[in-house]
Amino acid sequence: MKPLLPLLMLLVATAATAAPPPGHPSPAQAMDLLMPDKAPAASELPNQGRVVSSMDANEFTYIEVERNGAIEWIAAPKMAVKPGSTLRYEEGSVMNNFYSKLLKRSFESVMFVGHVAVVAP
């Protein structure tokens, strides 16, 4: 067993310092791909609607949006929006029968999103 120990140590040391294969992202690049720091461009956000109303609650802005003839609520990081503005926003996590203690009201459905862009007044 002793003669194999130096070989095993050499293999472990080589594996720990080996570079990724050509074309493979580094660990830092992979993290940037998975968790980008910058917000996506408005054109990259799949949903579009017109603001009907909004209200702030702590770090969120709840926005009533008319999209494709239907009304829906989204909750986004706190932001300024005006009725009549056009928004683009990402898909998010939908919560049904959501009660906001701060607003003291229930929402039949609200989609929590991370990225919203105002595209027109």
PDB file of N, CA and C in Angstrom:
ATOM      1  N   MET A   1       0.825  -1.195   0.000  1.00  0.00           N
ATOM      2  CA  MET A   1       0.000   0.000   0.000  1.00  0.00           C
ATOM      3  C   MET A   1       0.866   1.254   0.000  1.00  0.00           C
ATOM      4  N   LYS A   2       2.012   1.235   0.703  1.00  0.00           N
ATOM      5  CA  LYS A   2       2.876   2.406   0.769  1.00  0.00           C
ATOM      6  C   LYS A   2       3.358   2.873  -0.591  1.00  0.00           C
ATOM      7  N   PRO A   3       3.704   1.988  -1.546  1.00  0.00           N
ATOM      8  CA  PRO A   3       4.159   2.485  -2.841  1.00  0.00           C
ATOM      9  C   PRO A   3       3.066   3.243  -3.598  1.00  0.00           C
ATOM     10  N   LEU A   4       1.809   2.970  -3.321  1.00  0.00           N
ATOM     11  CA  LEU A   4       0.709   3.654  -4.006  1.00  0.00           C
ATOM     12  C   LEU A   4       0.417   5.028  -3.412  1.00  0.00           C
ATOM     13  N   LEU A   5       0.829   5.260  -2.175  1.00  0.00           N
ATOM     14  CA  LEU A   5       0.531   6.522  -1.516  1.00  0.00           C
ATOM     15  C   LEU A   5       1.116   7.730  -2.252  1.00  0.00           C
ATOM     16  N   PRO A   6       2.405   7.722  -2.661  1.00  0.00           N
ATOM     17  CA  PRO A   6       2.920   8.878  -3.409  1.00  0.00           C
ATOM     18  C   PRO A   6       2.179   9.110  -4.734  1.00  0.00           C
ATOM     19  N   LEU A   7       1.826   8.040  -5.412  1.00  0.00           N
ATOM     20  CA  LEU A   7       1.095   8.168  -6.666  1.00  0.00           C
ATOM     21  C   LEU A   7      -0.292   8.777  -6.419  1.00  0.00           C
ATOM     22  N   LEU A   8      -0.957   8.324  -5.379  1.00  0.00           N
ATOM     23  CA  LEU A   8      -2.270   8.862  -5.026  1.00  0.00           C
ATOM     24  C   LEU A   8      -2.172  10.353  -4.680  1.00  0.00           C
ATOM     25  N   MET A   9      -1.165  10.739  -3.925  1.00  0.00           N
ATOM     26  CA  MET A   9      -0.964  12.143  -3.565  1.00  0.00           C
ATOM     27  C   MET A   9      -0.701  12.994  -4.804  1.00  0.00           C
ATOM     28  N   LEU A  10       0.065  12.455  -5.755  1.00  0.00           N
ATOM     29  CA  LEU A  10       0.340  13.167  -6.991  1.00  0.00           C
ATOM     30  C   LEU A  10      -0.942  13.374  -7.800  1.00  0.00           C
ATOM     31  N   LEU A  11      -1.771  12.359  -7.869  1.00  0.00           N
ATOM     32  CA  LEU A  11      -3.038  12.466  -8.598  1.00  0.00           C
ATOM     33  C   LEU A  11      -3.957  13.505  -7.955  1.00  0.00           C
ATOM     34  N   VAL A  12      -4.055  13.513  -6.635  1.00  0.00           N
ATOM     35  CA  VAL A  12      -4.907  14.470  -5.939  1.00  0.00           C
ATOM     36  C   VAL A  12      -4.382  15.881  -6.170  1.00  0.00           C
ATOM     37  N   ALA A  13      -3.070  16.094  -6.063  1.00  0.00           N
ATOM     38  CA  ALA A  13      -2.490  17.422  -6.274  1.00  0.00           C
ATOM     39  C   ALA A  13      -2.697  17.895  -7.707  1.00  0.00           C
ATOM     40  N   THR A  14      -2.561  17.001  -8.675  1.00  0.00           N
ATOM     41  CA  THR A  14      -2.744  17.356 -10.083  1.00  0.00           C
ATOM     42  C   THR A  14      -4.203  17.713 -10.357  1.00  0.00           C
ATOM     43  N   ALA A  15      -5.137  16.959  -9.799  1.00  0.00           N
ATOM     44  CA  ALA A  15      -6.558  17.215 -10.019  1.00  0.00           C
ATOM     45  C   ALA A  15      -6.969  18.554  -9.404  1.00  0.00           C
ATOM     46  N   ALA A  16      -6.375  18.901  -8.267  1.00  0.00           N
ATOM     47  CA  ALA A  16      -6.739  20.144  -7.589  1.00  0.00           C
ATOM     48  C   ALA A  16      -6.269  21.373  -8.352  1.00  0.00           C
ATOM     49  N   THR A  17      -5.213  21.239  -9.137  1.00  0.00           N
ATOM     50  CA  THR A  17      -4.683  22.395  -9.858  1.00  0.00           C
ATOM     51  C   THR A  17      -4.970  22.349 -11.350  1.00  0.00           C
ATOM     52  N   ALA A  18      -5.718  21.347 -11.792  1.00  0.00           N
ATOM     53  CA  ALA A  18      -5.991  21.211 -13.228  1.00  0.00           C
ATOM     54  C   ALA A  18      -6.906  22.336 -13.701  1.00  0.00           C
ATOM     55  N   ALA A  19      -6.648  22.832 -14.872  1.00  0.00           N
ATOM     56  CA  ALA A  19      -7.468  23.874 -15.483  1.00  0.00           C
ATOM     57  C   ALA A  19      -8.680  23.236 -16.146  1.00  0.00           C
ATOM     58  N   PRO A  20      -9.769  23.993 -16.268  1.00  0.00           N
ATOM     59  CA  PRO A  20     -10.930  23.445 -16.963  1.00  0.00           C
ATOM     60  C   PRO A  20     -10.588  23.180 -18.426  1.00  0.00           C
ATOM     61  N   PRO A  21     -11.297  22.267 -19.077  1.00  0.00           N
ATOM     62  CA  PRO A  21     -11.038  21.983 -20.486  1.00  0.00           C
ATOM     63  C   PRO A  21     -11.281  23.215 -21.349  1.00  0.00           C
ATOM     64  N   PRO A  22     -10.696  23.270 -22.533  1.00  0.00           N
ATOM     65  CA  PRO A  22     -10.899  24.426 -23.420  1.00  0.00           C
ATOM     66  C   PRO A  22     -12.378  24.672 -23.694  1.00  0.00           C
ATOM     67  N   GLY A  23     -12.758  25.929 -23.646  1.00  0.00           N
ATOM     68  CA  GLY A  23     -14.147  26.304 -23.893  1.00  0.00           C
ATOM     69  C   GLY A  23     -15.054  26.187 -22.685  1.00  0.00           C
ATOM     70  N   HIS A  24     -14.566  25.609 -21.606  1.00  0.00           N
ATOM     71  CA  HIS A  24     -15.360  25.440 -20.396  1.00  0.00           C
ATOM     72  C   HIS A  24     -15.199  26.689 -19.537  1.00  0.00           C
ATOM     73  N   PRO A  25     -16.309  27.250 -18.993  1.00  0.00           N
ATOM     74  CA  PRO A  25     -16.163  28.455 -18.177  1.00  0.00           C
ATOM     75  C   PRO A  25     -15.448  28.162 -16.859  1.00  0.00           C
ATOM     76  N   SER A  26     -14.766  29.156 -16.354  1.00  0.00           N
ATOM     77  CA  SER A  26     -14.150  29.034 -15.036  1.00  0.00           C
ATOM     78  C   SER A  26     -15.266  29.021 -14.000  1.00  0.00           C
ATOM     79  N   PRO A  27     -14.981  28.641 -12.763  1.00  0.00           N
ATOM     80  CA  PRO A  27     -16.032  28.688 -11.740  1.00  0.00           C
ATOM     81  C   PRO A  27     -16.647  30.079 -11.595  1.00  0.00           C
ATOM     82  N   ALA A  28     -15.835  31.139 -11.675  1.00  0.00           N
ATOM     83  CA  ALA A  28     -16.362  32.501 -11.566  1.00  0.00           C
ATOM     84  C   ALA A  28     -17.284  32.827 -12.741  1.00  0.00           C
ATOM     85  N   GLN A  29     -16.905  32.419 -13.961  1.00  0.00           N
ATOM     86  CA  GLN A  29     -17.747  32.669 -15.134  1.00  0.00           C
ATOM     87  C   GLN A  29     -19.056  31.892 -15.040  1.00  0.00           C
ATOM     88  N   ALA A  30     -18.987  30.672 -14.514  1.00  0.00           N
ATOM     89  CA  ALA A  30     -20.192  29.859 -14.360  1.00  0.00           C
ATOM     90  C   ALA A  30     -21.155  30.521 -13.381  1.00  0.00           C
ATOM     91  N   MET A  31     -20.631  31.087 -12.298  1.00  0.00           N
ATOM     92  CA  MET A  31     -21.489  31.783 -11.342  1.00  0.00           C
ATOM     93  C   MET A  31     -22.122  33.018 -11.972  1.00  0.00           C
ATOM     94  N   ASP A  32     -21.366  33.737 -12.814  1.00  0.00           N
ATOM     95  CA  ASP A  32     -21.930  34.900 -13.505  1.00  0.00           C
ATOM     96  C   ASP A  32     -23.074  34.495 -14.425  1.00  0.00           C
ATOM     97  N   LEU A  33     -22.946  33.322 -15.059  1.00  0.00           N
ATOM     98  CA  LEU A  33     -24.008  32.847 -15.942  1.00  0.00           C
ATOM     99  C   LEU A  33     -25.244  32.456 -15.147  1.00  0.00           C
ATOM    100  N   LEU A  34     -25.030  31.841 -13.988  1.00  0.00           N
ATOM    101  CA  LEU A  34     -26.148  31.377 -13.175  1.00  0.00           C
ATOM    102  C   LEU A  34     -26.799  32.507 -12.387  1.00  0.00           C
ATOM    103  N   MET A  35     -26.007  33.473 -11.951  1.00  0.00           N
ATOM    104  CA  MET A  35     -26.521  34.547 -11.109  1.00  0.00           C
ATOM    105  C   MET A  35     -25.978  35.885 -11.588  1.00  0.00           C
ATOM    106  N   PRO A  36     -26.466  36.385 -12.699  1.00  0.00           N
ATOM    107  CA  PRO A  36     -25.942  37.650 -13.208  1.00  0.00           C
ATOM    108  C   PRO A  36     -26.253  38.803 -12.265  1.00  0.00           C
ATOM    109  N   ASP A  37     -25.314  39.747 -12.172  1.00  0.00           N
ATOM    110  CA  ASP A  37     -25.491  40.912 -11.306  1.00  0.00           C
ATOM    111  C   ASP A  37     -26.365  41.978 -11.959  1.00  0.00           C
ATOM    112  N   LYS A  38     -26.345  42.043 -13.274  1.00  0.00           N
ATOM    113  CA  LYS A  38     -27.101  43.094 -13.940  1.00  0.00           C
ATOM    114  C   LYS A  38     -28.489  42.601 -14.350  1.00  0.00           C
ATOM    115  N   ALA A  39     -29.403  43.527 -14.376  1.00  0.00           N
ATOM    116  CA  ALA A  39     -30.774  43.204 -14.746  1.00  0.00           C
ATOM    117  C   ALA A  39     -30.855  42.941 -16.247  1.00  0.00           C
ATOM    118  N   PRO A  40     -31.759  42.054 -16.657  1.00  0.00           N
ATOM    119  CA  PRO A  40     -31.924  41.817 -18.094  1.00  0.00           C
ATOM    120  C   PRO A  40     -32.496  43.050 -18.794  1.00  0.00           C
ATOM    121  N   ALA A  41     -32.228  43.163 -20.067  1.00  0.00           N
ATOM    122  CA  ALA A  41     -32.792  44.254 -20.870  1.00  0.00           C
ATOM    123  C   ALA A  41     -34.303  44.066 -20.958  1.00  0.00           C
ATOM    124  N   ALA A  42     -35.028  45.160 -21.124  1.00  0.00           N
ATOM    125  CA  ALA A  42     -36.489  45.090 -21.220  1.00  0.00           C
ATOM    126  C   ALA A  42     -36.935  44.104 -22.287  1.00  0.00           C
ATOM    127  N   SER A  43     -36.225  44.075 -23.413  1.00  0.00           N
ATOM    128  CA  SER A  43     -36.607  43.176 -24.506  1.00  0.00           C
ATOM    129  C   SER A  43     -36.461  41.705 -24.132  1.00  0.00           C
ATOM    130  N   GLU A  44     -35.711  41.409 -23.079  1.00  0.00           N
ATOM    131  CA  GLU A  44     -35.522  40.027 -22.636  1.00  0.00           C
ATOM    132  C   GLU A  44     -36.607  39.570 -21.667  1.00  0.00           C
ATOM    133  N   LEU A  45     -37.434  40.486 -21.209  1.00  0.00           N
ATOM    134  CA  LEU A  45     -38.498  40.147 -20.260  1.00  0.00           C
ATOM    135  C   LEU A  45     -39.744  39.727 -21.049  1.00  0.00           C
ATOM    136  N   PRO A  46     -40.290  38.533 -20.780  1.00  0.00           N
ATOM    137  CA  PRO A  46     -41.323  37.955 -21.650  1.00  0.00           C
ATOM    138  C   PRO A  46     -42.722  38.528 -21.537  1.00  0.00           C
ATOM    139  N   ASN A  47     -43.080  39.141 -20.404  1.00  0.00           N
ATOM    140  CA  ASN A  47     -44.451  39.607 -20.198  1.00  0.00           C
ATOM    141  C   ASN A  47     -44.542  41.117 -20.370  1.00  0.00           C
ATOM    142  N   GLN A  48     -45.663  41.570 -20.939  1.00  0.00           N
ATOM    143  CA  GLN A  48     -45.880  43.007 -21.103  1.00  0.00           C
ATOM    144  C   GLN A  48     -47.309  43.334 -20.731  1.00  0.00           C
ATOM    145  N   GLY A  49     -47.480  44.451 -20.015  1.00  0.00           N
ATOM    146  CA  GLY A  49     -48.813  44.889 -19.632  1.00  0.00           C
ATOM    147  C   GLY A  49     -48.833  46.363 -19.295  1.00  0.00           C
ATOM    148  N   ARG A  50     -50.036  46.871 -19.074  1.00  0.00           N
ATOM    149  CA  ARG A  50     -50.245  48.286 -18.760  1.00  0.00           C
ATOM    150  C   ARG A  50     -50.588  48.414 -17.282  1.00  0.00           C
ATOM    151  N   VAL A  51     -49.954  49.362 -16.595  1.00  0.00           N
ATOM    152  CA  VAL A  51     -50.190  49.580 -15.171  1.00  0.00           C
ATOM    153  C   VAL A  51     -51.583  50.173 -14.965  1.00  0.00           C
ATOM    154  N   VAL A  52     -52.373  49.529 -14.114  1.00  0.00           N
ATOM    155  CA  VAL A  52     -53.685  50.035 -13.734  1.00  0.00           C
ATOM    156  C   VAL A  52     -53.557  50.810 -12.422  1.00  0.00           C
ATOM    157  N   SER A  53     -52.851  50.213 -11.450  1.00  0.00           N
ATOM    158  CA  SER A  53     -52.620  50.874 -10.159  1.00  0.00           C
ATOM    159  C   SER A  53     -51.412  50.228  -9.501  1.00  0.00           C
ATOM    160  N   SER A  54     -50.939  50.865  -8.432  1.00  0.00           N
ATOM    161  CA  SER A  54     -49.819  50.289  -7.677  1.00  0.00           C
ATOM    162  C   SER A  54     -49.872  50.761  -6.242  1.00  0.00           C
ATOM    163  N   MET A  55     -49.206  50.024  -5.367  1.00  0.00           N
ATOM    164  CA  MET A  55     -49.091  50.400  -3.957  1.00  0.00           C
ATOM    165  C   MET A  55     -47.803  49.825  -3.400  1.00  0.00           C
ATOM    166  N   ASP A  56     -47.157  50.581  -2.534  1.00  0.00           N
ATOM    167  CA  ASP A  56     -45.901  50.146  -1.935  1.00  0.00           C
ATOM    168  C   ASP A  56     -46.154  49.520  -0.573  1.00  0.00           C
ATOM    169  N   ALA A  57     -45.357  48.503  -0.269  1.00  0.00           N
ATOM    170  CA  ALA A  57     -45.403  47.846   1.030  1.00  0.00           C
ATOM    171  C   ALA A  57     -43.993  47.372   1.355  1.00  0.00           C
ATOM    172  N   ASN A  58     -43.343  48.093   2.263  1.00  0.00           N
ATOM    173  CA  ASN A  58     -41.945  47.810   2.614  1.00  0.00           C
ATOM    174  C   ASN A  58     -41.081  47.787   1.373  1.00  0.00           C
ATOM    175  N   GLU A  59     -40.440  46.656   1.105  1.00  0.00           N
ATOM    176  CA  GLU A  59     -39.511  46.586  -0.026  1.00  0.00           C
ATOM    177  C   GLU A  59     -40.171  46.178  -1.339  1.00  0.00           C
ATOM    178  N   PHE A  60     -41.480  46.014  -1.354  1.00  0.00           N
ATOM    179  CA  PHE A  60     -42.189  45.601  -2.565  1.00  0.00           C
ATOM    180  C   PHE A  60     -43.118  46.694  -3.080  1.00  0.00           C
ATOM    181  N   THR A  61     -43.320  46.693  -4.391  1.00  0.00           N
ATOM    182  CA  THR A  61     -44.384  47.467  -5.006  1.00  0.00           C
ATOM    183  C   THR A  61     -45.337  46.454  -5.621  1.00  0.00           C
ATOM    184  N   TYR A  62     -46.593  46.512  -5.219  1.00  0.00           N
ATOM    185  CA  TYR A  62     -47.629  45.645  -5.783  1.00  0.00           C
ATOM    186  C   TYR A  62     -48.230  46.412  -6.957  1.00  0.00           C
ATOM    187  N   ILE A  63     -48.243  45.779  -8.124  1.00  0.00           N
ATOM    188  CA  ILE A  63     -48.673  46.464  -9.339  1.00  0.00           C
ATOM    189  C   ILE A  63     -49.820  45.687  -9.978  1.00  0.00           C
ATOM    190  N   GLU A  64     -50.934  46.378 -10.184  1.00  0.00           N
ATOM    191  CA  GLU A  64     -52.079  45.807 -10.889  1.00  0.00           C
ATOM    192  C   GLU A  64     -51.834  46.053 -12.372  1.00  0.00           C
ATOM    193  N   VAL A  65     -51.771  44.963 -13.141  1.00  0.00           N
ATOM    194  CA  VAL A  65     -51.394  45.042 -14.551  1.00  0.00           C
ATOM    195  C   VAL A  65     -52.507  44.466 -15.418  1.00  0.00           C
ATOM    196  N   GLU A  66     -52.831  45.181 -16.499  1.00  0.00           N
ATOM    197  CA  GLU A  66     -53.757  44.656 -17.508  1.00  0.00           C
ATOM    198  C   GLU A  66     -52.888  44.061 -18.608  1.00  0.00           C
ATOM    199  N   ARG A  67     -53.050  42.758 -18.808  1.00  0.00           N
ATOM    200  CA  ARG A  67     -52.263  42.054 -19.828  1.00  0.00           C
ATOM    201  C   ARG A  67     -53.184  41.154 -20.625  1.00  0.00           C
ATOM    202  N   ASN A  68     -53.186  41.344 -21.930  1.00  0.00           N
ATOM    203  CA  ASN A  68     -54.016  40.521 -22.823  1.00  0.00           C
ATOM    204  C   ASN A  68     -55.479  40.509 -22.400  1.00  0.00           C
ATOM    205  N   GLY A  69     -55.984  41.660 -21.964  1.00  0.00           N
ATOM    206  CA  GLY A  69     -57.392  41.772 -21.603  1.00  0.00           C
ATOM    207  C   GLY A  69     -57.736  41.276 -20.213  1.00  0.00           C
ATOM    208  N   ALA A  70     -56.770  40.793 -19.458  1.00  0.00           N
ATOM    209  CA  ALA A  70     -57.027  40.295 -18.105  1.00  0.00           C
ATOM    210  C   ALA A  70     -56.220  41.118 -17.103  1.00  0.00           C
ATOM    211  N   ILE A  71     -56.715  41.157 -15.881  1.00  0.00           N
ATOM    212  CA  ILE A  71     -56.030  41.870 -14.803  1.00  0.00           C
ATOM    213  C   ILE A  71     -55.258  40.850 -13.975  1.00  0.00           C
ATOM    214  N   GLU A  72     -53.995  41.202 -13.650  1.00  0.00           N
ATOM    215  CA  GLU A  72     -53.208  40.374 -12.749  1.00  0.00           C
ATOM    216  C   GLU A  72     -52.379  41.276 -11.852  1.00  0.00           C
ATOM    217  N   TRP A  73     -51.967  40.730 -10.721  1.00  0.00           N
ATOM    218  CA  TRP A  73     -51.122  41.465  -9.785  1.00  0.00           C
ATOM    219  C   TRP A  73     -49.725  40.882  -9.811  1.00  0.00           C
ATOM    220  N   ILE A  74     -48.737  41.780  -9.808  1.00  0.00           N
ATOM    221  CA  ILE A  74     -47.351  41.349  -9.643  1.00  0.00           C
ATOM    222  C   ILE A  74     -46.779  42.114  -8.451  1.00  0.00           C
ATOM    223  N   ALA A  75     -45.801  41.543  -7.810  1.00  0.00           N
ATOM    224  CA  ALA A  75     -45.075  42.210  -6.733  1.00  0.00           C
ATOM    225  C   ALA A  75     -43.613  42.213  -7.150  1.00  0.00           C
ATOM    226  N   ALA A  76     -43.023  43.404  -7.131  1.00  0.00           N
ATOM    227  CA  ALA A  76     -41.645  43.579  -7.594  1.00  0.00           C
ATOM    228  C   ALA A  76     -40.864  44.347  -6.538  1.00  0.00           C
ATOM    229  N   PRO A  77     -39.536  44.333  -6.647  1.00  0.00           N
ATOM    230  CA  PRO A  77     -38.769  45.200  -5.743  1.00  0.00           C
ATOM    231  C   PRO A  77     -39.281  46.635  -5.857  1.00  0.00           C
ATOM    232  N   LYS A  78     -39.300  47.354  -4.751  1.00  0.00           N
ATOM    233  CA  LYS A  78     -39.886  48.692  -4.700  1.00  0.00           C
ATOM    234  C   LYS A  78     -39.403  49.564  -5.855  1.00  0.00           C
ATOM    235  N   MET A  79     -40.373  50.166  -6.544  1.00  0.00           N
ATOM    236  CA  MET A  79     -40.077  51.005  -7.705  1.00  0.00           C
ATOM    237  C   MET A  79     -41.198  52.004  -7.915  1.00  0.00           C
ATOM    238  N   ALA A  80     -40.917  53.045  -8.674  1.00  0.00           N
ATOM    239  CA  ALA A  80     -41.932  54.044  -9.010  1.00  0.00           C
ATOM    240  C   ALA A  80     -42.574  53.682 -10.344  1.00  0.00           C
ATOM    241  N   VAL A  81     -43.898  53.569 -10.359  1.00  0.00           N
ATOM    242  CA  VAL A  81     -44.647  53.323 -11.593  1.00  0.00           C
ATOM    243  C   VAL A  81     -45.886  54.211 -11.586  1.00  0.00           C
ATOM    244  N   LYS A  82     -46.327  54.572 -12.769  1.00  0.00           N
ATOM    245  CA  LYS A  82     -47.510  55.420 -12.904  1.00  0.00           C
ATOM    246  C   LYS A  82     -48.589  54.681 -13.685  1.00  0.00           C
ATOM    247  N   PRO A  83     -49.857  54.877 -13.317  1.00  0.00           N
ATOM    248  CA  PRO A  83     -50.938  54.277 -14.098  1.00  0.00           C
ATOM    249  C   PRO A  83     -50.815  54.682 -15.570  1.00  0.00           C
ATOM    250  N   GLY A  84     -51.049  53.727 -16.446  1.00  0.00           N
ATOM    251  CA  GLY A  84     -50.944  53.958 -17.885  1.00  0.00           C
ATOM    252  C   GLY A  84     -49.599  53.581 -18.462  1.00  0.00           C
ATOM    253  N   SER A  85     -48.573  53.438 -17.599  1.00  0.00           N
ATOM    254  CA  SER A  85     -47.252  53.035 -18.088  1.00  0.00           C
ATOM    255  C   SER A  85     -47.288  51.593 -18.579  1.00  0.00           C
ATOM    256  N   THR A  86     -46.420  51.297 -19.511  1.00  0.00           N
ATOM    257  CA  THR A  86     -46.271  49.928 -20.003  1.00  0.00           C
ATOM    258  C   THR A  86     -45.048  49.312 -19.346  1.00  0.00           C
ATOM    259  N   LEU A  87     -45.237  48.099 -18.842  1.00  0.00           N
ATOM    260  CA  LEU A  87     -44.161  47.370 -18.174  1.00  0.00           C
ATOM    261  C   LEU A  87     -43.827  46.102 -18.923  1.00  0.00           C
ATOM    262  N   ARG A  88     -42.597  45.686 -18.792  1.00  0.00           N
ATOM    263  CA  ARG A  88     -42.189  44.332 -19.180  1.00  0.00           C
ATOM    264  C   ARG A  88     -41.652  43.695 -17.909  1.00  0.00           C
ATOM    265  N   TYR A  89     -41.957  42.418 -17.709  1.00  0.00           N
ATOM    266  CA  TYR A  89     -41.535  41.749 -16.486  1.00  0.00           C
ATOM    267  C   TYR A  89     -41.342  40.267 -16.733  1.00  0.00           C
ATOM    268  N   GLU A  90     -40.539  39.682 -15.857  1.00  0.00           N
ATOM    269  CA  GLU A  90     -40.205  38.268 -15.986  1.00  0.00           C
ATOM    270  C   GLU A  90     -41.293  37.388 -15.382  1.00  0.00           C
ATOM    271  N   GLU A  91     -41.168  36.108 -15.625  1.00  0.00           N
ATOM    272  CA  GLU A  91     -42.023  35.137 -14.938  1.00  0.00           C
ATOM    273  C   GLU A  91     -41.537  35.052 -13.497  1.00  0.00           C
ATOM    274  N   GLY A  92     -42.420  34.774 -12.588  1.00  0.00           N
ATOM    275  CA  GLY A  92     -42.030  34.696 -11.189  1.00  0.00           C
ATOM    276  C   GLY A  92     -42.793  33.605 -10.472  1.00  0.00           C
ATOM    277  N   SER A  93     -42.733  33.662  -9.162  1.00  0.00           N
ATOM    278  CA  SER A  93     -43.428  32.692  -8.317  1.00  0.00           C
ATOM    279  C   SER A  93     -44.827  33.212  -8.022  1.00  0.00           C
ATOM    280  N   VAL A  94     -45.818  32.406  -8.332  1.00  0.00           N
ATOM    281  CA  VAL A  94     -47.212  32.800  -8.124  1.00  0.00           C
ATOM    282  C   VAL A  94     -47.681  32.279  -6.768  1.00  0.00           C
ATOM    283  N   MET A  95     -48.300  33.186  -6.017  1.00  0.00           N
ATOM    284  CA  MET A  95     -48.904  32.802  -4.747  1.00  0.00           C
ATOM    285  C   MET A  95     -50.400  33.071  -4.854  1.00  0.00           C
ATOM    286  N   ASN A  96     -51.182  32.046  -4.626  1.00  0.00           N
ATOM    287  CA  ASN A  96     -52.639  32.161  -4.664  1.00  0.00           C
ATOM    288  C   ASN A  96     -53.173  32.448  -3.265  1.00  0.00           C
ATOM    289  N   ASN A  97     -54.278  33.184  -3.203  1.00  0.00           N
ATOM    290  CA  ASN A  97     -54.905  33.545  -1.928  1.00  0.00           C
ATOM    291  C   ASN A  97     -53.875  34.130  -0.966  1.00  0.00           C
ATOM    292  N   PHE A  98     -53.117  35.103  -1.463  1.00  0.00           N
ATOM    293  CA  PHE A  98     -52.044  35.711  -0.685  1.00  0.00           C
ATOM    294  C   PHE A  98     -52.582  36.869   0.138  1.00  0.00           C
ATOM    295  N   TYR A  99     -52.298  36.853   1.445  1.00  0.00           N
ATOM    296  CA  TYR A  99     -52.725  37.932   2.331  1.00  0.00           C
ATOM    297  C   TYR A  99     -51.504  38.752   2.735  1.00  0.00           C
ATOM    298  N   SER A 100     -51.562  40.046   2.492  1.00  0.00           N
ATOM    299  CA  SER A 100     -50.510  40.970   2.908  1.00  0.00           C
ATOM    300  C   SER A 100     -50.923  41.585   4.240  1.00  0.00           C
ATOM    301  N   LYS A 101     -50.181  41.284   5.289  1.00  0.00           N
ATOM    302  CA  LYS A 101     -50.486  41.858   6.597  1.00  0.00           C
ATOM    303  C   LYS A 101     -50.293  43.366   6.582  1.00  0.00           C
ATOM    304  N   LEU A 102     -49.255  43.828   5.888  1.00  0.00           N
ATOM    305  CA  LEU A 102     -48.973  45.255   5.852  1.00  0.00           C
ATOM    306  C   LEU A 102     -50.077  46.028   5.127  1.00  0.00           C
ATOM    307  N   LEU A 103     -50.531  45.495   3.996  1.00  0.00           N
ATOM    308  CA  LEU A 103     -51.595  46.159   3.233  1.00  0.00           C
ATOM    309  C   LEU A 103     -52.985  45.824   3.760  1.00  0.00           C
ATOM    310  N   LYS A 104     -53.057  44.807   4.608  1.00  0.00           N
ATOM    311  CA  LYS A 104     -54.331  44.343   5.173  1.00  0.00           C
ATOM    312  C   LYS A 104     -55.335  44.028   4.079  1.00  0.00           C
ATOM    313  N   ARG A 105     -54.856  43.260   3.112  1.00  0.00           N
ATOM    314  CA  ARG A 105     -55.744  42.850   2.024  1.00  0.00           C
ATOM    315  C   ARG A 105     -55.269  41.530   1.443  1.00  0.00           C
ATOM    316  N   SER A 106     -56.196  40.844   0.805  1.00  0.00           N
ATOM    317  CA  SER A 106     -55.906  39.577   0.146  1.00  0.00           C
ATOM    318  C   SER A 106     -55.835  39.789  -1.352  1.00  0.00           C
ATOM    319  N   PHE A 107     -54.982  39.013  -1.984  1.00  0.00           N
ATOM    320  CA  PHE A 107     -54.880  38.979  -3.437  1.00  0.00           C
ATOM    321  C   PHE A 107     -55.268  37.573  -3.864  1.00  0.00           C
ATOM    322  N   GLU A 108     -56.182  37.472  -4.801  1.00  0.00           N
ATOM    323  CA  GLU A 108     -56.557  36.152  -5.302  1.00  0.00           C
ATOM    324  C   GLU A 108     -55.314  35.439  -5.824  1.00  0.00           C
ATOM    325  N   SER A 109     -54.461  36.198  -6.516  1.00  0.00           N
ATOM    326  CA  SER A 109     -53.210  35.663  -7.057  1.00  0.00           C
ATOM    327  C   SER A 109     -52.243  36.829  -7.223  1.00  0.00           C
ATOM    328  N   VAL A 110     -50.986  36.615  -6.868  1.00  0.00           N
ATOM    329  CA  VAL A 110     -49.952  37.626  -7.084  1.00  0.00           C
ATOM    330  C   VAL A 110     -48.668  36.903  -7.492  1.00  0.00           C
ATOM    331  N   MET A 111     -48.009  37.441  -8.515  1.00  0.00           N
ATOM    332  CA  MET A 111     -46.765  36.847  -8.988  1.00  0.00           C
ATOM    333  C   MET A 111     -45.609  37.720  -8.506  1.00  0.00           C
ATOM    334  N   PHE A 112     -44.711  37.132  -7.735  1.00  0.00           N
ATOM    335  CA  PHE A 112     -43.533  37.840  -7.244  1.00  0.00           C
ATOM    336  C   PHE A 112     -42.439  37.724  -8.295  1.00  0.00           C
ATOM    337  N   VAL A 113     -41.966  38.882  -8.762  1.00  0.00           N
ATOM    338  CA  VAL A 113     -40.948  38.923  -9.819  1.00  0.00           C
ATOM    339  C   VAL A 113     -39.748  39.723  -9.328  1.00  0.00           C
ATOM    340  N   GLY A 114     -38.599  39.448  -9.929  1.00  0.00           N
ATOM    341  CA  GLY A 114     -37.383  40.150  -9.554  1.00  0.00           C
ATOM    342  C   GLY A 114     -37.028  41.296 -10.462  1.00  0.00           C
ATOM    343  N   HIS A 115     -37.487  41.219 -11.730  1.00  0.00           N
ATOM    344  CA  HIS A 115     -37.097  42.236 -12.704  1.00  0.00           C
ATOM    345  C   HIS A 115     -38.317  42.776 -13.437  1.00  0.00           C
ATOM    346  N   VAL A 116     -38.434  44.125 -13.411  1.00  0.00           N
ATOM    347  CA  VAL A 116     -39.499  44.838 -14.119  1.00  0.00           C
ATOM    348  C   VAL A 116     -38.846  46.031 -14.810  1.00  0.00           C
ATOM    349  N   ALA A 117     -39.274  46.325 -16.016  1.00  0.00           N
ATOM    350  CA  ALA A 117     -38.766  47.496 -16.737  1.00  0.00           C
ATOM    351  C   ALA A 117     -39.948  48.303 -17.253  1.00  0.00           C
ATOM    352  N   VAL A 118     -39.930  49.608 -17.008  1.00  0.00           N
ATOM    353  CA  VAL A 118     -40.936  50.512 -17.571  1.00  0.00           C
ATOM    354  C   VAL A 118     -40.481  50.844 -18.982  1.00  0.00           C
ATOM    355  N   VAL A 119     -41.347  50.566 -19.966  1.00  0.00           N
ATOM    356  CA  VAL A 119     -40.952  50.766 -21.372  1.00  0.00           C
ATOM    357  C   VAL A 119     -41.674  51.917 -22.049  1.00  0.00           C
ATOM    358  N   ALA A 120     -42.772  52.411 -21.472  1.00  0.00           N
ATOM    359  CA  ALA A 120     -43.492  53.546 -22.081  1.00  0.00           C
ATOM    360  C   ALA A 120     -44.347  54.197 -21.006  1.00  0.00           C
ATOM    361  N   PRO A 121     -44.559  55.516 -21.105  1.00  0.00           N
ATOM    362  CA  PRO A 121     -45.408  56.208 -20.117  1.00  0.00           C
ATOM    363  C   PRO A 121     -46.872  55.862 -20.287  1.00  0.00           C
TER     364      PRO A 121
END
